[in-house]
Structure formats: C-alpha cells, structure tokens
Amino acid sequence: MLAFRYISFHYIKYFLVILAALVMFLVGFDYMEQAEKLSDSVNLVLIYVVYKIFFAMDMLLPLSLVFAMIATKIFLIRSNALVSFYSLGYSRIDVLRPFVVVSSTIIVFYVFFHTFASFARADEKAENIKVNAEYLNTARNLFFTFENSYIYFGELLPIKEKAIDVRIFIISNNSLKEVIEAKEANYKDDYWLIEDAHVIQKPEKIDFESSGIIVQDSQNLKILQGFRPKIIDQVYEGKVNFTIPDAIDALVLLQKQNISIDTVKWALYKTFIHPFFVPCMVVIIFFFVPISPRFLNISLFSFGAILASLFTWGTLFMLLELSNNKTIPSEIGVIAPVVILFAVALRQWRKYRLAS
C-alpha cells in the first residue's frame, strides 16, 4: 500500500506537469499563428483560448499519461526507490499496478467528460470564433431528409435550438403533397414548433374538377418529432465532434432513416475505445525499463521510449483519420490496434506475474 501511494503520487504529479506543458506549448503556438485573424474583442479571444485549451487537453491527455509513466519510472530508478521496492519484496506487477490503476481511472473520467459539449466540441467552437467572430455556432443552408419530408434551414442555431428561414417539403407516394414555409421554428418538448406557418397544399389529382392549390396560414404547428437540433448540424454537415448523448441520438436517428451510420460509429469508437490504448502502452513500455542505471543508459532509453511512444501514437492517430475519411473500416482503424495492444500488454502482464 505504501508503494502504491508513493508511486501514484509521483505519477499524477508528472502527468499534470507534462500535460500542462504540452497544452501551453500547443495553445501558445496556435495563438501566435492565429492572433491576427482573431476578433479585437478581448472576451472572444479569451473564449477562443479556453476552447483551444480544452481541445489541446482532449488531444494530448492520453499521450501525457504515457510520458508521465516514463518520467516516473526514470525518477524511481535514479532515486534508487525502484531497487528499494524490489528489495522489500514488491514484485514488478506490484510496482506496475499503480500506473495501470491511475491511468485507467483518468481515461474513464476522460471518456465521461465527452458527455459535455464544451469539451467534445471545443475545436469546432474555437474555429467558429476565429472565422465568424461570434460565440454561437451557426450552421447555414442545411438541406436534409427526415422520414417523408425534405427540410431546408437557412440558418440553424443549435445552442438556442432555433432555425431561421424554414421550408419543409412533405412527400407522399413519391409526389409532393405539401410545402410549409416559416420565418423561424423553435425546438420545444421534442417537437419543432412553428408559431406562424405558411402552408401550401397540392390536390391529390390535378384536373379541371379539382379545387387547385390551397394556400393557408397555420398557427402553432408541431412537426419533426424527435429531431434534435444539436445533432442536425453534426450529422448533415459531416462533423464528428459528437458528445456521447448526441452520438447515441444520431445513431438512432440515422438507423431509422436507413442512412449510413459509419461516421457516428467512428465517433463512438474514438470516444469509448481508442483512449484505452494508454493503459496498454503503459504496461508494454513498463517492462522494457531497466531496474537500475547499471544495466542501461537511462538518458538514451528515455529518448527511445519517448520516440517509440510518439511513433505509436502517431500511427494510431493516422489510422483514426483514415477511418474517419472512410478509407478503411472503423473496426480496423480504431478497434483492431487497441485490441492488438491489449493482447500484447496482457501477454506481458501474465508473463511477469507468473515469473514473480
């Protein structure tokens, strides 16, 4: 228990220091590059920087956990604490356990934080501030299908749950049946509510006896049940920065509409499965670290371990992007590498547990 607390304390300390350093490095360089493009508003600049910090943490937190393990293990070797633990009867598995428990716990919280939009969609919001100089994200000229309708939104404000310049074309038996026009619509109680709608109805049969096209105004019209505004721009603009609830809702929505769910599956795999490569890498690298500087040049080993971690992380990131672009299936680009790392880590764990 003493070793667990001691190692966990230093592991968390190095993790926080490395994460802060990497985040400041990335955000600092981004700000220097984009400073001239940002608004003169100090408030918008501060919000932009905060969102960039969230984005940097999202991208660099897994890598920081691996680097922190290497730094902690080197610290234990240089201070002779590692040899002392082994002398007191602790096995390699006992020393490894704090790294696995702490890294896995942090990854679980990391996945949980993707429930919140500010964390999961931070880069998208930062880009919106840079390009449009406004805090609210506005999607424009959306045209999509839902059930038996084709819908056009001139502007969509997902945060306000509001659409402007709405046109809905209702199809029946492969023929246009009705057109609904409105200046705006608001999402309330699982429906899109149009307070003042202009409805154009076409007769079922067009002949000399038909009454012709019917034009009327309708008040408090409820349409598009269950079509959440916060996922419309994500799904139909091809974005992948889903929060977990939005991704699940999008999955259900697209399955009902018989539309490909590859993008949403990729987002869920990226959130739930991809981050767990960290504990696997921690286990694999751990057993390659010597117990004493007598057996290996520590500085050279540190450089090699960091380089190998960056190479592995880069490869995983490349496969992730290939899956996102549908070059390879998500199961191969996201799940398979993590499964392979897990198998190697499990083999290492069992090998040294039996040896101890």
Foldseek 3Di string as FASTA:
>chain_A
DVLLVVLLVQLVVQLVVQLVVQLCVVLVVVCVVLVVLADPDPVLVVLLSVLSSLVSCLLCSLVSLQLSLLVSLLVCQVVVVLVVCVVVPDFLCNNLVSSLVVLVVVLVVSLVVLLDCSNLCSVVQSVCCSPVVDRFDKDAFFWDDADQKIKTFRIAGQVQQKTAFIWIFGDDPNHTAKIKTAGMWHDDPQWTWGAKIWMKGADPDDDPPDPGIDIDIDGGDTDDGNPRRNCRCCVRVLHQSHRPVSLVSVQVRCVVVVHDSQSSVLSCLVSPPQSVLSSLLSLVVSVVDDNHCVVDPSVVVSVVSSVVSVVLSVQLVVLSVCSSVVVDGSCVNRVVVSVVSNVSSVVSSVVSVVVD
